[in-house]
PDB file of N, CA and C in Angstrom:
ATOM      1  N   UNK A   1      -0.855  31.865 -22.811  1.00  0.00           N
ATOM      2  CA  UNK A   1      -1.519  30.731 -23.447  1.00  0.00           C
ATOM      3  C   UNK A   1      -0.755  29.451 -23.098  1.00  0.00           C
ATOM      4  N   UNK A   2      -1.469  28.485 -22.562  1.00  0.00           N
ATOM      5  CA  UNK A   2      -0.852  27.222 -22.176  1.00  0.00           C
ATOM      6  C   UNK A   2      -0.835  26.275 -23.365  1.00  0.00           C
ATOM      7  N   UNK A   3       0.317  25.664 -23.586  1.00  0.00           N
ATOM      8  CA  UNK A   3       0.429  24.708 -24.679  1.00  0.00           C
ATOM      9  C   UNK A   3      -0.026  23.336 -24.199  1.00  0.00           C
ATOM     10  N   UNK A   4      -0.862  22.725 -24.977  1.00  0.00           N
ATOM     11  CA  UNK A   4      -1.353  21.392 -24.661  1.00  0.00           C
ATOM     12  C   UNK A   4      -0.698  20.423 -25.635  1.00  0.00           C
ATOM     13  N   UNK A   5      -0.039  19.380 -25.119  1.00  0.00           N
ATOM     14  CA  UNK A   5       0.622  18.446 -26.022  1.00  0.00           C
ATOM     15  C   UNK A   5      -0.387  17.772 -26.944  1.00  0.00           C
ATOM     16  N   UNK A   6      -0.004  17.625 -28.185  1.00  0.00           N
ATOM     17  CA  UNK A   6      -0.892  16.993 -29.164  1.00  0.00           C
ATOM     18  C   UNK A   6      -0.504  15.541 -29.409  1.00  0.00           C
ATOM     19  N   UNK A   7       0.478  15.058 -28.694  1.00  0.00           N
ATOM     20  CA  UNK A   7       0.902  13.669 -28.852  1.00  0.00           C
ATOM     21  C   UNK A   7       0.479  12.870 -27.625  1.00  0.00           C
ATOM     22  N   UNK A   8       0.502  11.554 -27.769  1.00  0.00           N
ATOM     23  CA  UNK A   8       0.156  10.700 -26.645  1.00  0.00           C
ATOM     24  C   UNK A   8       1.249  10.797 -25.597  1.00  0.00           C
ATOM     25  N   UNK A   9       0.839  10.907 -24.372  1.00  0.00           N
ATOM     26  CA  UNK A   9       1.809  10.976 -23.282  1.00  0.00           C
ATOM     27  C   UNK A   9       1.084  10.959 -21.954  1.00  0.00           C
ATOM     28  N   UNK A  10       1.855  10.961 -20.907  1.00  0.00           N
ATOM     29  CA  UNK A  10       1.278  10.945 -19.572  1.00  0.00           C
ATOM     30  C   UNK A  10       1.087  12.364 -19.086  1.00  0.00           C
ATOM     31  N   UNK A  11       0.034  12.572 -18.329  1.00  0.00           N
ATOM     32  CA  UNK A  11      -0.230  13.904 -17.798  1.00  0.00           C
ATOM     33  C   UNK A  11       0.796  14.231 -16.718  1.00  0.00           C
ATOM     34  N   UNK A  12       1.051  15.526 -16.492  1.00  0.00           N
ATOM     35  CA  UNK A  12       2.038  15.920 -15.491  1.00  0.00           C
ATOM     36  C   UNK A  12       1.692  15.459 -14.073  1.00  0.00           C
ATOM     37  N   UNK A  13       0.416  15.291 -13.776  1.00  0.00           N
ATOM     38  CA  UNK A  13       0.053  14.866 -12.417  1.00  0.00           C
ATOM     39  C   UNK A  13       0.210  13.354 -12.216  1.00  0.00           C
ATOM     40  N   UNK A  14       0.672  12.618 -13.227  1.00  0.00           N
ATOM     41  CA  UNK A  14       0.914  11.193 -13.091  1.00  0.00           C
ATOM     42  C   UNK A  14       2.236  10.911 -12.364  1.00  0.00           C
ATOM     43  N   UNK A  15       3.194  11.826 -12.511  1.00  0.00           N
ATOM     44  CA  UNK A  15       4.523  11.621 -11.934  1.00  0.00           C
ATOM     45  C   UNK A  15       4.491  11.400 -10.420  1.00  0.00           C
ATOM     46  N   UNK A  16       3.767  12.224  -9.636  1.00  0.00           N
ATOM     47  CA  UNK A  16       3.709  11.961  -8.192  1.00  0.00           C
ATOM     48  C   UNK A  16       3.057  10.613  -7.871  1.00  0.00           C
ATOM     49  N   UNK A  17       2.073  10.214  -8.643  1.00  0.00           N
ATOM     50  CA  UNK A  17       1.414   8.925  -8.431  1.00  0.00           C
ATOM     51  C   UNK A  17       2.404   7.791  -8.673  1.00  0.00           C
ATOM     52  N   UNK A  18       3.150   7.884  -9.755  1.00  0.00           N
ATOM     53  CA  UNK A  18       4.144   6.875 -10.088  1.00  0.00           C
ATOM     54  C   UNK A  18       5.190   6.760  -8.988  1.00  0.00           C
ATOM     55  N   UNK A  19       5.739   7.886  -8.554  1.00  0.00           N
ATOM     56  CA  UNK A  19       6.795   7.852  -7.555  1.00  0.00           C
ATOM     57  C   UNK A  19       6.269   7.434  -6.177  1.00  0.00           C
ATOM     58  N   UNK A  20       5.026   7.730  -5.888  1.00  0.00           N
ATOM     59  CA  UNK A  20       4.422   7.250  -4.643  1.00  0.00           C
ATOM     60  C   UNK A  20       4.300   5.723  -4.679  1.00  0.00           C
ATOM     61  N   UNK A  21       3.866   5.176  -5.809  1.00  0.00           N
ATOM     62  CA  UNK A  21       3.770   3.725  -5.951  1.00  0.00           C
ATOM     63  C   UNK A  21       5.145   3.078  -5.841  1.00  0.00           C
ATOM     64  N   UNK A  22       6.137   3.679  -6.481  1.00  0.00           N
ATOM     65  CA  UNK A  22       7.497   3.142  -6.410  1.00  0.00           C
ATOM     66  C   UNK A  22       7.966   3.119  -4.965  1.00  0.00           C
ATOM     67  N   UNK A  23       7.787   4.237  -4.261  1.00  0.00           N
ATOM     68  CA  UNK A  23       8.218   4.314  -2.868  1.00  0.00           C
ATOM     69  C   UNK A  23       7.541   3.243  -2.022  1.00  0.00           C
ATOM     70  N   UNK A  24       6.226   3.127  -2.146  1.00  0.00           N
ATOM     71  CA  UNK A  24       5.493   2.184  -1.314  1.00  0.00           C
ATOM     72  C   UNK A  24       5.839   0.733  -1.634  1.00  0.00           C
ATOM     73  N   UNK A  25       6.050   0.417  -2.916  1.00  0.00           N
ATOM     74  CA  UNK A  25       6.438  -0.946  -3.268  1.00  0.00           C
ATOM     75  C   UNK A  25       7.829  -1.281  -2.731  1.00  0.00           C
ATOM     76  N   UNK A  26       8.753  -0.344  -2.824  1.00  0.00           N
ATOM     77  CA  UNK A  26      10.100  -0.593  -2.320  1.00  0.00           C
ATOM     78  C   UNK A  26      10.085  -0.652  -0.793  1.00  0.00           C
ATOM     79  N   UNK A  27       9.374   0.264  -0.150  1.00  0.00           N
ATOM     80  CA  UNK A  27       9.348   0.337   1.315  1.00  0.00           C
ATOM     81  C   UNK A  27       8.611  -0.844   1.927  1.00  0.00           C
ATOM     82  N   UNK A  28       7.389  -1.087   1.480  1.00  0.00           N
ATOM     83  CA  UNK A  28       6.583  -2.158   2.062  1.00  0.00           C
ATOM     84  C   UNK A  28       6.884  -3.520   1.449  1.00  0.00           C
ATOM     85  N   UNK A  29       7.642  -3.543   0.366  1.00  0.00           N
ATOM     86  CA  UNK A  29       8.042  -4.807  -0.243  1.00  0.00           C
ATOM     87  C   UNK A  29       9.107  -5.530   0.562  1.00  0.00           C
ATOM     88  N   UNK A  30       9.652  -4.864   1.572  1.00  0.00           N
ATOM     89  CA  UNK A  30      10.620  -5.446   2.511  1.00  0.00           C
ATOM     90  C   UNK A  30      11.793  -6.106   1.801  1.00  0.00           C
ATOM     91  N   UNK A  31      12.355  -5.389   0.851  1.00  0.00           N
ATOM     92  CA  UNK A  31      13.544  -5.899   0.165  1.00  0.00           C
ATOM     93  C   UNK A  31      13.240  -6.709  -1.076  1.00  0.00           C
ATOM     94  N   UNK A  32      11.988  -6.916  -1.382  1.00  0.00           N
ATOM     95  CA  UNK A  32      11.617  -7.686  -2.565  1.00  0.00           C
ATOM     96  C   UNK A  32      11.748  -6.913  -3.862  1.00  0.00           C
ATOM     97  N   UNK A  33      11.765  -5.602  -3.755  1.00  0.00           N
ATOM     98  CA  UNK A  33      11.858  -4.748  -4.937  1.00  0.00           C
ATOM     99  C   UNK A  33      12.926  -3.689  -4.708  1.00  0.00           C
ATOM    100  N   UNK A  34      13.549  -3.256  -5.792  1.00  0.00           N
ATOM    101  CA  UNK A  34      14.402  -2.073  -5.705  1.00  0.00           C
ATOM    102  C   UNK A  34      13.816  -1.014  -6.640  1.00  0.00           C
ATOM    103  N   UNK A  35      14.288   0.204  -6.500  1.00  0.00           N
ATOM    104  CA  UNK A  35      13.710   1.332  -7.236  1.00  0.00           C
ATOM    105  C   UNK A  35      13.747   1.092  -8.736  1.00  0.00           C
ATOM    106  N   UNK A  36      14.874   0.658  -9.256  1.00  0.00           N
ATOM    107  CA  UNK A  36      15.034   0.486 -10.699  1.00  0.00           C
ATOM    108  C   UNK A  36      14.075  -0.571 -11.246  1.00  0.00           C
ATOM    109  N   UNK A  37      13.938  -1.679 -10.527  1.00  0.00           N
ATOM    110  CA  UNK A  37      13.025  -2.742 -10.973  1.00  0.00           C
ATOM    111  C   UNK A  37      11.583  -2.250 -11.041  1.00  0.00           C
ATOM    112  N   UNK A  38      11.157  -1.532 -10.015  1.00  0.00           N
ATOM    113  CA  UNK A  38       9.771  -1.053  -9.980  1.00  0.00           C
ATOM    114  C   UNK A  38       9.546   0.010 -11.046  1.00  0.00           C
ATOM    115  N   UNK A  39      10.518   0.902 -11.243  1.00  0.00           N
ATOM    116  CA  UNK A  39      10.374   1.969 -12.237  1.00  0.00           C
ATOM    117  C   UNK A  39      10.234   1.389 -13.640  1.00  0.00           C
ATOM    118  N   UNK A  40      10.962   0.326 -13.932  1.00  0.00           N
ATOM    119  CA  UNK A  40      10.938  -0.274 -15.271  1.00  0.00           C
ATOM    120  C   UNK A  40       9.931  -1.412 -15.397  1.00  0.00           C
ATOM    121  N   UNK A  41       9.182  -1.675 -14.334  1.00  0.00           N
ATOM    122  CA  UNK A  41       8.192  -2.746 -14.333  1.00  0.00           C
ATOM    123  C   UNK A  41       6.998  -2.352 -15.216  1.00  0.00           C
ATOM    124  N   UNK A  42       6.412  -3.312 -15.932  1.00  0.00           N
ATOM    125  CA  UNK A  42       5.189  -2.999 -16.691  1.00  0.00           C
ATOM    126  C   UNK A  42       4.105  -2.472 -15.748  1.00  0.00           C
ATOM    127  N   UNK A  43       3.323  -1.534 -16.238  1.00  0.00           N
ATOM    128  CA  UNK A  43       2.311  -0.884 -15.405  1.00  0.00           C
ATOM    129  C   UNK A  43       1.348  -1.895 -14.802  1.00  0.00           C
ATOM    130  N   UNK A  44       0.864  -2.847 -15.592  1.00  0.00           N
ATOM    131  CA  UNK A  44      -0.104  -3.817 -15.078  1.00  0.00           C
ATOM    132  C   UNK A  44       0.481  -4.620 -13.931  1.00  0.00           C
ATOM    133  N   UNK A  45       1.783  -4.950 -14.007  1.00  0.00           N
ATOM    134  CA  UNK A  45       2.411  -5.730 -12.952  1.00  0.00           C
ATOM    135  C   UNK A  45       2.643  -4.884 -11.700  1.00  0.00           C
ATOM    136  N   UNK A  46       3.033  -3.629 -11.903  1.00  0.00           N
ATOM    137  CA  UNK A  46       3.227  -2.732 -10.769  1.00  0.00           C
ATOM    138  C   UNK A  46       1.912  -2.531 -10.027  1.00  0.00           C
ATOM    139  N   UNK A  47       0.824  -2.352 -10.737  1.00  0.00           N
ATOM    140  CA  UNK A  47      -0.490  -2.173 -10.112  1.00  0.00           C
ATOM    141  C   UNK A  47      -0.906  -3.447  -9.374  1.00  0.00           C
ATOM    142  N   UNK A  48      -0.615  -4.616  -9.955  1.00  0.00           N
ATOM    143  CA  UNK A  48      -0.934  -5.887  -9.305  1.00  0.00           C
ATOM    144  C   UNK A  48      -0.231  -5.980  -7.952  1.00  0.00           C
ATOM    145  N   UNK A  49       1.081  -5.753  -7.932  1.00  0.00           N
ATOM    146  CA  UNK A  49       1.833  -5.829  -6.679  1.00  0.00           C
ATOM    147  C   UNK A  49       1.393  -4.749  -5.697  1.00  0.00           C
ATOM    148  N   UNK A  50       1.088  -3.577  -6.202  1.00  0.00           N
ATOM    149  CA  UNK A  50       0.635  -2.477  -5.340  1.00  0.00           C
ATOM    150  C   UNK A  50      -0.659  -2.869  -4.626  1.00  0.00           C
ATOM    151  N   UNK A  51      -1.591  -3.460  -5.369  1.00  0.00           N
ATOM    152  CA  UNK A  51      -2.862  -3.889  -4.771  1.00  0.00           C
ATOM    153  C   UNK A  51      -2.662  -5.024  -3.777  1.00  0.00           C
ATOM    154  N   UNK A  52      -1.756  -5.949  -4.088  1.00  0.00           N
ATOM    155  CA  UNK A  52      -1.492  -7.059  -3.176  1.00  0.00           C
ATOM    156  C   UNK A  52      -0.914  -6.559  -1.854  1.00  0.00           C
ATOM    157  N   UNK A  53       0.019  -5.623  -1.922  1.00  0.00           N
ATOM    158  CA  UNK A  53       0.595  -5.059  -0.698  1.00  0.00           C
ATOM    159  C   UNK A  53      -0.489  -4.326   0.087  1.00  0.00           C
ATOM    160  N   UNK A  54      -1.357  -3.587  -0.612  1.00  0.00           N
ATOM    161  CA  UNK A  54      -2.439  -2.868   0.057  1.00  0.00           C
ATOM    162  C   UNK A  54      -3.379  -3.843   0.759  1.00  0.00           C
ATOM    163  N   UNK A  55      -3.736  -4.937   0.081  1.00  0.00           N
ATOM    164  CA  UNK A  55      -4.610  -5.947   0.697  1.00  0.00           C
ATOM    165  C   UNK A  55      -3.961  -6.544   1.942  1.00  0.00           C
ATOM    166  N   UNK A  56      -2.677  -6.864   1.850  1.00  0.00           N
ATOM    167  CA  UNK A  56      -1.958  -7.464   2.971  1.00  0.00           C
ATOM    168  C   UNK A  56      -1.907  -6.517   4.158  1.00  0.00           C
ATOM    169  N   UNK A  57      -1.588  -5.251   3.905  1.00  0.00           N
ATOM    170  CA  UNK A  57      -1.516  -4.273   4.991  1.00  0.00           C
ATOM    171  C   UNK A  57      -2.889  -4.039   5.622  1.00  0.00           C
ATOM    172  N   UNK A  58      -3.939  -4.054   4.812  1.00  0.00           N
ATOM    173  CA  UNK A  58      -5.298  -3.888   5.332  1.00  0.00           C
ATOM    174  C   UNK A  58      -5.670  -5.068   6.234  1.00  0.00           C
ATOM    175  N   UNK A  59      -5.344  -6.290   5.809  1.00  0.00           N
ATOM    176  CA  UNK A  59      -5.623  -7.473   6.629  1.00  0.00           C
ATOM    177  C   UNK A  59      -4.849  -7.419   7.940  1.00  0.00           C
ATOM    178  N   UNK A  60      -3.589  -7.015   7.867  1.00  0.00           N
ATOM    179  CA  UNK A  60      -2.774  -6.920   9.079  1.00  0.00           C
ATOM    180  C   UNK A  60      -3.345  -5.887  10.045  1.00  0.00           C
ATOM    181  N   UNK A  61      -3.804  -4.771   9.498  1.00  0.00           N
ATOM    182  CA  UNK A  61      -4.376  -3.710  10.328  1.00  0.00           C
ATOM    183  C   UNK A  61      -5.648  -4.212  11.026  1.00  0.00           C
ATOM    184  N   UNK A  62      -6.516  -4.905  10.275  1.00  0.00           N
ATOM    185  CA  UNK A  62      -7.741  -5.433  10.865  1.00  0.00           C
ATOM    186  C   UNK A  62      -7.438  -6.459  11.952  1.00  0.00           C
ATOM    187  N   UNK A  63      -6.467  -7.316  11.698  1.00  0.00           N
ATOM    188  CA  UNK A  63      -6.095  -8.328  12.690  1.00  0.00           C
ATOM    189  C   UNK A  63      -5.554  -7.667  13.956  1.00  0.00           C
ATOM    190  N   UNK A  64      -4.753  -6.627  13.789  1.00  0.00           N
ATOM    191  CA  UNK A  64      -4.203  -5.912  14.934  1.00  0.00           C
ATOM    192  C   UNK A  64      -5.317  -5.219  15.726  1.00  0.00           C
ATOM    193  N   UNK A  65      -6.266  -4.603  14.998  1.00  0.00           N
ATOM    194  CA  UNK A  65      -7.385  -3.932  15.672  1.00  0.00           C
ATOM    195  C   UNK A  65      -8.236  -4.946  16.439  1.00  0.00           C
ATOM    196  N   UNK A  66      -8.482  -6.107  15.852  1.00  0.00           N
ATOM    197  CA  UNK A  66      -9.258  -7.149  16.515  1.00  0.00           C
ATOM    198  C   UNK A  66      -8.538  -7.624  17.771  1.00  0.00           C
ATOM    199  N   UNK A  67      -7.240  -7.821  17.649  1.00  0.00           N
ATOM    200  CA  UNK A  67      -6.442  -8.258  18.793  1.00  0.00           C
ATOM    201  C   UNK A  67      -6.465  -7.209  19.899  1.00  0.00           C
ATOM    202  N   UNK A  68      -6.354  -5.946  19.519  1.00  0.00           N
ATOM    203  CA  UNK A  68      -6.381  -4.852  20.492  1.00  0.00           C
ATOM    204  C   UNK A  68      -7.741  -4.758  21.164  1.00  0.00           C
ATOM    205  N   UNK A  69      -8.811  -4.900  20.397  1.00  0.00           N
ATOM    206  CA  UNK A  69     -10.166  -4.821  20.954  1.00  0.00           C
ATOM    207  C   UNK A  69     -10.412  -5.956  21.942  1.00  0.00           C
ATOM    208  N   UNK A  70      -9.952  -7.160  21.593  1.00  0.00           N
ATOM    209  CA  UNK A  70     -10.185  -8.289  22.495  1.00  0.00           C
ATOM    210  C   UNK A  70      -9.350  -8.156  23.767  1.00  0.00           C
ATOM    211  N   UNK A  71      -8.213  -7.520  23.675  1.00  0.00           N
ATOM    212  CA  UNK A  71      -7.365  -7.317  24.858  1.00  0.00           C
ATOM    213  C   UNK A  71      -7.932  -6.240  25.768  1.00  0.00           C
ATOM    214  N   UNK A  72      -8.704  -5.321  25.216  1.00  0.00           N
ATOM    215  CA  UNK A  72      -9.266  -4.219  26.006  1.00  0.00           C
ATOM    216  C   UNK A  72     -10.505  -4.624  26.793  1.00  0.00           C
ATOM    217  N   UNK A  73     -11.136  -5.729  26.437  1.00  0.00           N
ATOM    218  CA  UNK A  73     -12.352  -6.148  27.116  1.00  0.00           C
ATOM    219  C   UNK A  73     -12.006  -6.512  28.550  1.00  0.00           C
ATOM    220  N   UNK A  74     -12.649  -5.886  29.502  1.00  0.00           N
ATOM    221  CA  UNK A  74     -12.332  -6.195  30.892  1.00  0.00           C
ATOM    222  C   UNK A  74     -12.843  -7.577  31.274  1.00  0.00           C
ATOM    223  N   UNK A  75     -12.049  -8.278  32.035  1.00  0.00           N
ATOM    224  CA  UNK A  75     -12.455  -9.601  32.499  1.00  0.00           C
ATOM    225  C   UNK A  75     -12.919  -9.438  33.946  1.00  0.00           C
ATOM    226  N   UNK A  76     -14.088  -9.950  34.200  1.00  0.00           N
ATOM    227  CA  UNK A  76     -14.664  -9.831  35.536  1.00  0.00           C
ATOM    228  C   UNK A  76     -14.364 -11.121  36.282  1.00  0.00           C
ATOM    229  N   UNK A  77     -13.663 -10.995  37.372  1.00  0.00           N
ATOM    230  CA  UNK A  77     -13.366 -12.141  38.216  1.00  0.00           C
ATOM    231  C   UNK A  77     -14.461 -12.278  39.269  1.00  0.00           C
ATOM    232  N   UNK A  78     -15.203 -13.338  39.162  1.00  0.00           N
ATOM    233  CA  UNK A  78     -16.286 -13.577  40.116  1.00  0.00           C
ATOM    234  C   UNK A  78     -15.899 -14.757  40.999  1.00  0.00           C
ATOM    235  N   UNK A  79     -16.176 -14.636  42.265  1.00  0.00           N
ATOM    236  CA  UNK A  79     -15.835 -15.758  43.143  1.00  0.00           C
ATOM    237  C   UNK A  79     -16.716 -16.960  42.856  1.00  0.00           C
ATOM    238  N   UNK A  80     -16.131 -18.126  42.993  1.00  0.00           N
ATOM    239  CA  UNK A  80     -16.888 -19.351  42.774  1.00  0.00           C
ATOM    240  C   UNK A  80     -17.823 -19.593  43.944  1.00  0.00           C
ATOM    241  N   UNK A  81     -19.005 -20.039  43.679  1.00  0.00           N
ATOM    242  CA  UNK A  81     -19.995 -20.272  44.724  1.00  0.00           C
ATOM    243  C   UNK A  81     -20.113 -21.738  45.010  1.00  0.00           C
TER     244      UNK A  81
END
């Protein structure tokens, strides 16, 4: 029989989510955050920064893809008439 907590608390599957967010904020924050600061940060603020980093990385990825696509287009050299 599995015991289900009767008090308010976080579910066991929240821990990997929390630590993944901490890792990504510290790693992609480029020195702006340390582990202790992110761990003790209010949830709403951690989610705000997490979303901002995600938006920034998505924009960078799109810009890189656009740059790569434009570089791949073959240029046809036609002689002047």
